[in-house]
Amino acid sequence: MKESILGIPTDIVTLDEAVTRVQEMLNDNKPHFIASVNPEICLAAQENNLLKEILKAADLGIPDGIGIILASKLRRGQIRARVTGIDLMQSLVKLAASEKKSIYLYGAAEGVAAEAAANLTKAHPGLQIAGIQHGYIATEQEGEVAKNIAASKADMVFIGLGSPRQEFFVSHHGNATKAKVLMVVGGSFDVLSGRLPRAPQIYQRLGIEWLYRLLLQPTRLKRALNLPRFLLQALVKKS
């Protein structure tokens, strides 16, 4: 079941339900795209039709951000559970380790994905890392990355290139990877590598991780101001 916010479909799911959905995808013989729906990407999609169409085509759009929950409540929608990209990724890595599925990490600065992979392997013994590729390459080289992913026979690919580049990669090269699941994860590799601290549990429980990141990186203020603009647009378009 989905709810549309600013024309972007968002699945009404809990974390456990999202994991179950992905488990089903892994048994299906075709690629599936998991998108993270948050206020920023919803606003960006209003000005980028290609991005909007890619998000609309996602097999699963997780409600990633307290802004999505607030918008749904204000619009009398049904989304009540926040499913962050990093939480879902970590749950899927655990699933991969238990079911002998392999994963591929693509994105972030050189060395970051490798550090993230090392930490994930330490946390989940037996995890199969099919491959690693940093994201500091020209877009013209992404076709070659897709070929390398296909050759690795990875079951799941986590793409941390930042939006909208990561969504464009899935759209242009997703099929060529031959992976069952492709999930965009933004800056998750930086956190999983240990280079960037995640917000303390109290911030996570209250859904204000954005505030913690703002305290660490005041330059994110402009991005934080997108939240009231997003909520206003969501209400206006609903009415």
C-alpha atoms as a PDB file:
ATOM      1  CA  MET A   1       0.000   0.000   0.000  1.00  0.00           C
ATOM      2  CA  LYS A   2       1.361   3.397  -0.991  1.00  0.00           C
ATOM      3  CA  GLU A   3       0.692   7.040  -0.221  1.00  0.00           C
ATOM      4  CA  SER A   4       1.555   9.786  -2.702  1.00  0.00           C
ATOM      5  CA  ILE A   5       3.267  12.908  -1.364  1.00  0.00           C
ATOM      6  CA  LEU A   6       3.989  15.655  -3.915  1.00  0.00           C
ATOM      7  CA  GLY A   7       3.436  13.012  -6.568  1.00  0.00           C
ATOM      8  CA  ILE A   8       6.048  10.645  -5.116  1.00  0.00           C
ATOM      9  CA  PRO A   9       4.703   7.242  -4.030  1.00  0.00           C
ATOM     10  CA  THR A  10       5.792   6.211  -0.532  1.00  0.00           C
ATOM     11  CA  ASP A  11       5.167   2.749   0.861  1.00  0.00           C
ATOM     12  CA  ILE A  12       3.274   2.438   4.128  1.00  0.00           C
ATOM     13  CA  VAL A  13       5.661  -0.024   5.772  1.00  0.00           C
ATOM     14  CA  THR A  14       7.550  -0.718   8.965  1.00  0.00           C
ATOM     15  CA  LEU A  15      11.216  -1.742   8.931  1.00  0.00           C
ATOM     16  CA  ASP A  16      10.318  -5.419   9.366  1.00  0.00           C
ATOM     17  CA  GLU A  17       7.766  -5.240   6.570  1.00  0.00           C
ATOM     18  CA  ALA A  18      10.314  -3.616   4.273  1.00  0.00           C
ATOM     19  CA  VAL A  19      12.812  -6.420   4.976  1.00  0.00           C
ATOM     20  CA  THR A  20      10.148  -9.013   4.176  1.00  0.00           C
ATOM     21  CA  ARG A  21       9.422  -7.256   0.890  1.00  0.00           C
ATOM     22  CA  VAL A  22      13.106  -7.328  -0.044  1.00  0.00           C
ATOM     23  CA  GLN A  23      13.321 -11.002   0.873  1.00  0.00           C
ATOM     24  CA  GLU A  24      10.607 -11.621  -1.708  1.00  0.00           C
ATOM     25  CA  MET A  25      12.495  -9.528  -4.267  1.00  0.00           C
ATOM     26  CA  LEU A  26      15.577 -11.714  -3.836  1.00  0.00           C
ATOM     27  CA  ASN A  27      13.502 -14.700  -4.964  1.00  0.00           C
ATOM     28  CA  ASP A  28      12.312 -12.880  -8.083  1.00  0.00           C
ATOM     29  CA  ASN A  29      14.300 -13.103 -11.294  1.00  0.00           C
ATOM     30  CA  LYS A  30      14.500  -9.403 -12.103  1.00  0.00           C
ATOM     31  CA  PRO A  31      16.062  -6.227 -10.677  1.00  0.00           C
ATOM     32  CA  HIS A  32      14.185  -4.213  -8.050  1.00  0.00           C
ATOM     33  CA  PHE A  33      14.788  -0.599  -7.048  1.00  0.00           C
ATOM     34  CA  ILE A  34      14.490   0.656  -3.453  1.00  0.00           C
ATOM     35  CA  ALA A  35      14.214   4.435  -3.150  1.00  0.00           C
ATOM     36  CA  SER A  36      14.517   6.592  -0.039  1.00  0.00           C
ATOM     37  CA  VAL A  37      11.707   9.146   0.027  1.00  0.00           C
ATOM     38  CA  ASN A  38      12.498  12.241   2.096  1.00  0.00           C
ATOM     39  CA  PRO A  39      11.507  15.936   1.935  1.00  0.00           C
ATOM     40  CA  GLU A  40      14.620  16.936  -0.019  1.00  0.00           C
ATOM     41  CA  ILE A  41      14.139  14.439  -2.799  1.00  0.00           C
ATOM     42  CA  CYS A  42      10.407  15.200  -3.021  1.00  0.00           C
ATOM     43  CA  LEU A  43      11.213  18.884  -3.543  1.00  0.00           C
ATOM     44  CA  ALA A  44      13.964  18.097  -6.045  1.00  0.00           C
ATOM     45  CA  ALA A  45      11.577  15.910  -8.034  1.00  0.00           C
ATOM     46  CA  GLN A  46       9.218  18.877  -8.495  1.00  0.00           C
ATOM     47  CA  GLU A  47      11.915  20.507 -10.626  1.00  0.00           C
ATOM     48  CA  ASN A  48      13.351  17.371 -12.250  1.00  0.00           C
ATOM     49  CA  ASN A  49      10.871  15.288 -14.219  1.00  0.00           C
ATOM     50  CA  LEU A  50      13.370  12.496 -14.864  1.00  0.00           C
ATOM     51  CA  LEU A  51      14.003  12.102 -11.144  1.00  0.00           C
ATOM     52  CA  LYS A  52      10.258  12.116 -10.481  1.00  0.00           C
ATOM     53  CA  GLU A  53       9.643   9.364 -13.030  1.00  0.00           C
ATOM     54  CA  ILE A  54      12.467   7.256 -11.578  1.00  0.00           C
ATOM     55  CA  LEU A  55      11.031   7.580  -8.072  1.00  0.00           C
ATOM     56  CA  LYS A  56       7.554   6.728  -9.316  1.00  0.00           C
ATOM     57  CA  ALA A  57       8.955   3.535 -10.856  1.00  0.00           C
ATOM     58  CA  ALA A  58      10.582   2.337  -7.603  1.00  0.00           C
ATOM     59  CA  ASP A  59       9.487  -1.074  -6.364  1.00  0.00           C
ATOM     60  CA  LEU A  60       9.742   0.145  -2.773  1.00  0.00           C
ATOM     61  CA  GLY A  61       9.861   3.742  -1.567  1.00  0.00           C
ATOM     62  CA  ILE A  62      10.722   3.848   2.115  1.00  0.00           C
ATOM     63  CA  PRO A  63       9.479   6.750   4.293  1.00  0.00           C
ATOM     64  CA  ASP A  64      12.957   8.027   5.151  1.00  0.00           C
ATOM     65  CA  GLY A  65      12.620  11.152   7.252  1.00  0.00           C
ATOM     66  CA  ILE A  66      10.472  12.634   9.980  1.00  0.00           C
ATOM     67  CA  GLY A  67       9.232  15.169   7.408  1.00  0.00           C
ATOM     68  CA  ILE A  68       7.437  12.389   5.522  1.00  0.00           C
ATOM     69  CA  ILE A  69       5.698  11.276   8.728  1.00  0.00           C
ATOM     70  CA  LEU A  70       4.650  14.841   9.541  1.00  0.00           C
ATOM     71  CA  ALA A  71       3.369  15.447   6.011  1.00  0.00           C
ATOM     72  CA  SER A  72       1.320  12.257   6.118  1.00  0.00           C
ATOM     73  CA  LYS A  73      -0.198  13.165   9.490  1.00  0.00           C
ATOM     74  CA  LEU A  74      -1.038  16.695   8.375  1.00  0.00           C
ATOM     75  CA  ARG A  75      -2.689  15.272   5.248  1.00  0.00           C
ATOM     76  CA  ARG A  76      -4.517  12.625   7.322  1.00  0.00           C
ATOM     77  CA  GLY A  77      -2.535   9.880   5.632  1.00  0.00           C
ATOM     78  CA  GLN A  78      -1.459   6.539   7.055  1.00  0.00           C
ATOM     79  CA  ILE A  79       2.348   6.659   7.198  1.00  0.00           C
ATOM     80  CA  ARG A  80       3.375   6.381  10.831  1.00  0.00           C
ATOM     81  CA  ALA A  81       6.639   4.400  10.781  1.00  0.00           C
ATOM     82  CA  ARG A  82       9.927   5.971   9.732  1.00  0.00           C
ATOM     83  CA  VAL A  83      12.244   3.604   7.864  1.00  0.00           C
ATOM     84  CA  THR A  84      15.661   5.188   7.461  1.00  0.00           C
ATOM     85  CA  GLY A  85      17.951   4.145   4.652  1.00  0.00           C
ATOM     86  CA  ILE A  86      20.806   3.183   6.957  1.00  0.00           C
ATOM     87  CA  ASP A  87      18.530   1.079   9.200  1.00  0.00           C
ATOM     88  CA  LEU A  88      17.126  -0.804   6.227  1.00  0.00           C
ATOM     89  CA  MET A  89      20.592  -1.274   4.738  1.00  0.00           C
ATOM     90  CA  GLN A  90      21.907  -2.741   7.990  1.00  0.00           C
ATOM     91  CA  SER A  91      18.908  -5.065   8.221  1.00  0.00           C
ATOM     92  CA  LEU A  92      19.455  -6.207   4.646  1.00  0.00           C
ATOM     93  CA  VAL A  93      23.142  -6.827   5.289  1.00  0.00           C
ATOM     94  CA  LYS A  94      22.130  -9.036   8.213  1.00  0.00           C
ATOM     95  CA  LEU A  95      19.678 -10.820   5.910  1.00  0.00           C
ATOM     96  CA  ALA A  96      22.393 -11.271   3.278  1.00  0.00           C
ATOM     97  CA  ALA A  97      24.761 -12.820   5.819  1.00  0.00           C
ATOM     98  CA  SER A  98      22.135 -15.260   7.099  1.00  0.00           C
ATOM     99  CA  GLU A  99      20.907 -16.291   3.647  1.00  0.00           C
ATOM    100  CA  LYS A 100      24.325 -16.403   1.923  1.00  0.00           C
ATOM    101  CA  LYS A 101      23.534 -13.523  -0.426  1.00  0.00           C
ATOM    102  CA  SER A 102      26.320 -11.287  -1.682  1.00  0.00           C
ATOM    103  CA  ILE A 103      26.437  -7.498  -1.595  1.00  0.00           C
ATOM    104  CA  TYR A 104      28.262  -4.816  -3.587  1.00  0.00           C
ATOM    105  CA  LEU A 105      29.053  -1.325  -2.271  1.00  0.00           C
ATOM    106  CA  TYR A 106      29.319   1.503  -4.788  1.00  0.00           C
ATOM    107  CA  GLY A 107      29.879   5.104  -3.798  1.00  0.00           C
ATOM    108  CA  ALA A 108      31.492   7.594  -1.402  1.00  0.00           C
ATOM    109  CA  ALA A 109      35.091   8.786  -1.417  1.00  0.00           C
ATOM    110  CA  GLU A 110      37.979   6.444  -2.084  1.00  0.00           C
ATOM    111  CA  GLY A 111      38.519   4.067   0.825  1.00  0.00           C
ATOM    112  CA  VAL A 112      35.177   4.735   2.529  1.00  0.00           C
ATOM    113  CA  ALA A 113      33.231   1.827   1.009  1.00  0.00           C
ATOM    114  CA  ALA A 114      36.132  -0.516   1.807  1.00  0.00           C
ATOM    115  CA  GLU A 115      36.102   0.579   5.453  1.00  0.00           C
ATOM    116  CA  ALA A 116      32.328   0.185   5.583  1.00  0.00           C
ATOM    117  CA  ALA A 117      32.631  -3.315   4.109  1.00  0.00           C
ATOM    118  CA  ALA A 118      35.268  -4.261   6.680  1.00  0.00           C
ATOM    119  CA  ASN A 119      33.045  -3.114   9.551  1.00  0.00           C
ATOM    120  CA  LEU A 120      30.001  -4.901   8.132  1.00  0.00           C
ATOM    121  CA  THR A 121      31.975  -8.127   7.727  1.00  0.00           C
ATOM    122  CA  LYS A 122      33.184  -7.841  11.317  1.00  0.00           C
ATOM    123  CA  ALA A 123      29.603  -7.367  12.528  1.00  0.00           C
ATOM    124  CA  HIS A 124      28.230 -10.152  10.319  1.00  0.00           C
ATOM    125  CA  PRO A 125      30.728 -13.052   9.994  1.00  0.00           C
ATOM    126  CA  GLY A 126      30.275 -14.912   6.741  1.00  0.00           C
ATOM    127  CA  LEU A 127      28.955 -11.875   4.868  1.00  0.00           C
ATOM    128  CA  GLN A 128      29.905 -12.130   1.204  1.00  0.00           C
ATOM    129  CA  ILE A 129      31.256  -8.874  -0.231  1.00  0.00           C
ATOM    130  CA  ALA A 130      30.987  -9.280  -4.007  1.00  0.00           C
ATOM    131  CA  GLY A 131      32.782  -6.012  -4.744  1.00  0.00           C
ATOM    132  CA  ILE A 132      33.567  -2.431  -3.811  1.00  0.00           C
ATOM    133  CA  GLN A 133      33.822   0.710  -5.957  1.00  0.00           C
ATOM    134  CA  HIS A 134      34.292   4.289  -4.777  1.00  0.00           C
ATOM    135  CA  GLY A 135      32.076   6.952  -6.311  1.00  0.00           C
ATOM    136  CA  TYR A 136      34.734   9.425  -7.433  1.00  0.00           C
ATOM    137  CA  ILE A 137      34.582   8.471 -11.085  1.00  0.00           C
ATOM    138  CA  ALA A 138      33.173  10.142 -14.185  1.00  0.00           C
ATOM    139  CA  THR A 139      29.589   9.323 -15.103  1.00  0.00           C
ATOM    140  CA  GLU A 140      30.943   8.009 -18.411  1.00  0.00           C
ATOM    141  CA  GLN A 141      32.571   5.176 -16.468  1.00  0.00           C
ATOM    142  CA  GLU A 142      29.384   4.016 -14.785  1.00  0.00           C
ATOM    143  CA  GLY A 143      28.554   1.571 -17.551  1.00  0.00           C
ATOM    144  CA  GLU A 144      31.809  -0.210 -16.758  1.00  0.00           C
ATOM    145  CA  VAL A 145      30.895  -0.266 -13.069  1.00  0.00           C
ATOM    146  CA  ALA A 146      27.592  -1.928 -13.980  1.00  0.00           C
ATOM    147  CA  LYS A 147      29.492  -4.580 -15.967  1.00  0.00           C
ATOM    148  CA  ASN A 148      31.785  -5.210 -13.007  1.00  0.00           C
ATOM    149  CA  ILE A 149      28.785  -5.617 -10.707  1.00  0.00           C
ATOM    150  CA  ALA A 150      27.250  -8.118 -13.138  1.00  0.00           C
ATOM    151  CA  ALA A 151      30.525 -10.048 -13.278  1.00  0.00           C
ATOM    152  CA  SER A 152      30.625 -10.151  -9.471  1.00  0.00           C
ATOM    153  CA  LYS A 153      27.181 -11.791  -9.418  1.00  0.00           C
ATOM    154  CA  ALA A 154      26.119  -9.603  -6.514  1.00  0.00           C
ATOM    155  CA  ASP A 155      22.591 -10.187  -5.226  1.00  0.00           C
ATOM    156  CA  MET A 156      22.214  -6.720  -3.674  1.00  0.00           C
ATOM    157  CA  VAL A 157      23.862  -3.422  -4.595  1.00  0.00           C
ATOM    158  CA  PHE A 158      23.973  -0.452  -2.244  1.00  0.00           C
ATOM    159  CA  ILE A 159      24.616   2.833  -4.059  1.00  0.00           C
ATOM    160  CA  GLY A 160      25.841   5.846  -2.129  1.00  0.00           C
ATOM    161  CA  LEU A 161      26.441   8.541  -4.726  1.00  0.00           C
ATOM    162  CA  GLY A 162      24.149  11.245  -3.413  1.00  0.00           C
ATOM    163  CA  SER A 163      20.924  12.298  -5.089  1.00  0.00           C
ATOM    164  CA  PRO A 164      20.064  12.454  -7.949  1.00  0.00           C
ATOM    165  CA  ARG A 165      23.185  10.746  -9.299  1.00  0.00           C
ATOM    166  CA  GLN A 166      22.472   7.516  -7.434  1.00  0.00           C
ATOM    167  CA  GLU A 167      18.899   7.354  -8.745  1.00  0.00           C
ATOM    168  CA  PHE A 168      20.124   8.076 -12.278  1.00  0.00           C
ATOM    169  CA  PHE A 169      22.620   5.212 -12.006  1.00  0.00           C
ATOM    170  CA  VAL A 170      19.847   2.783 -11.121  1.00  0.00           C
ATOM    171  CA  SER A 171      17.685   4.057 -13.965  1.00  0.00           C
ATOM    172  CA  HIS A 172      20.419   3.972 -16.609  1.00  0.00           C
ATOM    173  CA  HIS A 173      22.419   0.927 -15.505  1.00  0.00           C
ATOM    174  CA  GLY A 174      20.309  -1.041 -13.028  1.00  0.00           C
ATOM    175  CA  ASN A 175      19.329  -3.774 -15.464  1.00  0.00           C
ATOM    176  CA  ALA A 176      22.939  -4.189 -16.632  1.00  0.00           C
ATOM    177  CA  THR A 177      24.094  -5.010 -13.081  1.00  0.00           C
ATOM    178  CA  LYS A 178      21.927  -8.149 -13.098  1.00  0.00           C
ATOM    179  CA  ALA A 179      21.460  -7.704  -9.345  1.00  0.00           C
ATOM    180  CA  LYS A 180      18.141  -8.584  -7.736  1.00  0.00           C
ATOM    181  CA  VAL A 181      18.027  -5.529  -5.464  1.00  0.00           C
ATOM    182  CA  LEU A 182      19.474  -2.044  -5.960  1.00  0.00           C
ATOM    183  CA  MET A 183      19.099   0.364  -3.054  1.00  0.00           C
ATOM    184  CA  VAL A 184      20.208   3.999  -2.888  1.00  0.00           C
ATOM    185  CA  VAL A 185      21.723   4.851   0.492  1.00  0.00           C
ATOM    186  CA  GLY A 186      23.058   8.417   0.276  1.00  0.00           C
ATOM    187  CA  GLY A 187      25.802   9.005   2.846  1.00  0.00           C
ATOM    188  CA  SER A 188      25.351   5.730   4.740  1.00  0.00           C
ATOM    189  CA  PHE A 189      28.843   4.474   3.840  1.00  0.00           C
ATOM    190  CA  ASP A 190      30.390   7.417   5.708  1.00  0.00           C
ATOM    191  CA  VAL A 191      28.556   6.384   8.867  1.00  0.00           C
ATOM    192  CA  LEU A 192      29.170   2.639   8.467  1.00  0.00           C
ATOM    193  CA  SER A 193      32.869   3.261   7.855  1.00  0.00           C
ATOM    194  CA  GLY A 194      33.097   5.115  11.152  1.00  0.00           C
ATOM    195  CA  ARG A 195      34.195   8.364   9.527  1.00  0.00           C
ATOM    196  CA  LEU A 196      30.950  10.136  10.389  1.00  0.00           C
ATOM    197  CA  PRO A 197      29.191   9.524  13.722  1.00  0.00           C
ATOM    198  CA  ARG A 198      25.524   8.651  13.699  1.00  0.00           C
ATOM    199  CA  ALA A 199      23.159  10.612  15.893  1.00  0.00           C
ATOM    200  CA  PRO A 200      22.727   9.256  19.452  1.00  0.00           C
ATOM    201  CA  GLN A 201      19.708   7.020  20.096  1.00  0.00           C
ATOM    202  CA  ILE A 202      17.671   9.821  21.654  1.00  0.00           C
ATOM    203  CA  TYR A 203      17.881  11.802  18.402  1.00  0.00           C
ATOM    204  CA  GLN A 204      16.981   8.691  16.391  1.00  0.00           C
ATOM    205  CA  ARG A 205      13.955   7.879  18.557  1.00  0.00           C
ATOM    206  CA  LEU A 206      12.640  11.423  18.280  1.00  0.00           C
ATOM    207  CA  GLY A 207      13.212  11.475  14.520  1.00  0.00           C
ATOM    208  CA  ILE A 208      15.522  14.497  14.705  1.00  0.00           C
ATOM    209  CA  GLU A 209      18.761  13.045  13.355  1.00  0.00           C
ATOM    210  CA  TRP A 210      18.724  16.008  10.970  1.00  0.00           C
ATOM    211  CA  LEU A 211      19.214  18.313  13.985  1.00  0.00           C
ATOM    212  CA  TYR A 212      22.258  16.344  15.148  1.00  0.00           C
ATOM    213  CA  ARG A 213      23.771  16.526  11.659  1.00  0.00           C
ATOM    214  CA  LEU A 214      23.060  20.249  11.597  1.00  0.00           C
ATOM    215  CA  LEU A 215      24.900  20.695  14.902  1.00  0.00           C
ATOM    216  CA  LEU A 216      27.879  18.830  13.467  1.00  0.00           C
ATOM    217  CA  GLN A 217      27.693  20.533  10.084  1.00  0.00           C
ATOM    218  CA  PRO A 218      26.152  24.050  10.332  1.00  0.00           C
ATOM    219  CA  THR A 219      26.563  24.376   6.558  1.00  0.00           C
ATOM    220  CA  ARG A 220      23.511  22.086   6.268  1.00  0.00           C
ATOM    221  CA  LEU A 221      21.242  24.903   7.497  1.00  0.00           C
ATOM    222  CA  LYS A 222      19.991  25.700   3.999  1.00  0.00           C
ATOM    223  CA  ARG A 223      19.010  22.053   3.528  1.00  0.00           C
ATOM    224  CA  ALA A 224      17.264  21.976   6.920  1.00  0.00           C
ATOM    225  CA  LEU A 225      15.124  24.934   5.878  1.00  0.00           C
ATOM    226  CA  ASN A 226      13.649  22.760   3.140  1.00  0.00           C
ATOM    227  CA  LEU A 227      11.463  21.004   5.730  1.00  0.00           C
ATOM    228  CA  PRO A 228       8.922  23.830   6.290  1.00  0.00           C
ATOM    229  CA  ARG A 229       8.836  24.479   2.533  1.00  0.00           C
ATOM    230  CA  PHE A 230       8.152  20.794   1.913  1.00  0.00           C
ATOM    231  CA  LEU A 231       5.364  20.628   4.511  1.00  0.00           C
ATOM    232  CA  LEU A 232       3.710  23.732   3.083  1.00  0.00           C
ATOM    233  CA  GLN A 233       3.808  22.355  -0.464  1.00  0.00           C
ATOM    234  CA  ALA A 234       2.518  18.966   0.701  1.00  0.00           C
ATOM    235  CA  LEU A 235      -0.479  20.643   2.388  1.00  0.00           C
ATOM    236  CA  VAL A 236      -1.212  23.007  -0.491  1.00  0.00           C
ATOM    237  CA  LYS A 237      -1.115  20.236  -3.108  1.00  0.00           C
ATOM    238  CA  LYS A 238      -3.290  18.015  -0.947  1.00  0.00           C
ATOM    239  CA  SER A 239      -5.930  20.728  -0.682  1.00  0.00           C
END
